[in-house]
Each structure stands twice: as structure tokens, then as C-alpha cells.
Amino acid sequence: MSSATKRKHVTRGVVENFDLPKDDELVVKVVAGRGNNLHEVREHTGQAFLVSMPPKFRKNVWIKRGDFVVVKPIEEGDKVKAEIVTILYKEQIKHIKEQQLWPEGFQQEVVEEAAREVNSEDSEDESDIFQNTNRPIQEEESETSESEED
């Protein structure tokens, strides 16, 4: 299987196919990347530990600080306590909440994040948009051309 085909199947499996967390699996929040495909995560109780990203996800699926993932505990190793099973996206989080399987400790964090997204979408203020200093601003060009015509 070519690498492009593998990437397509892995990505589709993560985004489209989703099973609810099983009894031994945990929903955790990614706190930081630690390198070598290790990520520091936090449980809903506040306990932090390291998890590994399985080879099928490496270079195919990306996670960042603040994302939620489902992990399965592993026995071997002292520092790495679990392995990532699934990366959760908005629709999957919504589905878990509908089934009332979402950890109570994360309820407030998801509500705050949703409120930030709503505020950012409704805001007409464009001050937080990145300004490219390598290109002239279009409004200034149109104003200067109008003033030259007068």
C-alpha cells in the first residue's frame, strides 16, 4: 500500500468511523507534546501522564494542545501509561455527550471553548486577524487612487 493510500485510510478511519469509549478506555485532554510521538495528557480528575501515539497515526494525523483523545492504558513502561486509540473531533465529542459518557471534569472546559468559538464567529472586529506586512493594504490603495483623481 502506498503512503498516500495509507494516509487516506487512516484519516478516514479517524474522522468517519467512531466507537464509544470502552470500559478500559479513558477520555483525556492533551496538555503538551513531549517529542518522539509522546504527549502529556490530563485526566478529568487532574492527574497528568504520558501517552504514546501509535505508528499508524504518525505523520498522518496531527493533534495539538487542547485536543481530546481516547487512550487505552498499557502495562509495560514506567513513564508512558497509555496509547492513543482515537482522536476526538467536535462531532464525536457531541456524540459522546449525547450518550452521557463524557467525563464530568471536562464539561466546563468544552463549554468555555464553545463560547469562545461563538464569540469569535460573531465578532465583526478584525483586529485579531493576521496582517501580512509584505503586501500593501487594499483599502489604502483605493483611497490613494481616488485622491489622485480629485
Foldseek 3Di string as FASTA:
>chain_A
DDPVVLLVVLVCCQPPDDDADDPQKAKWFFAADDDPQKTWTAGLVGDIAIEGEDPSPPPRPDDGGGWIFIWGADDDDDGHGTYTDHTDDPVRVVVCVVVVNDDPSCPVVVVVVVVVVVVVVPDPDPPPPDDDPVDDDPVVVVVVVVVVVD
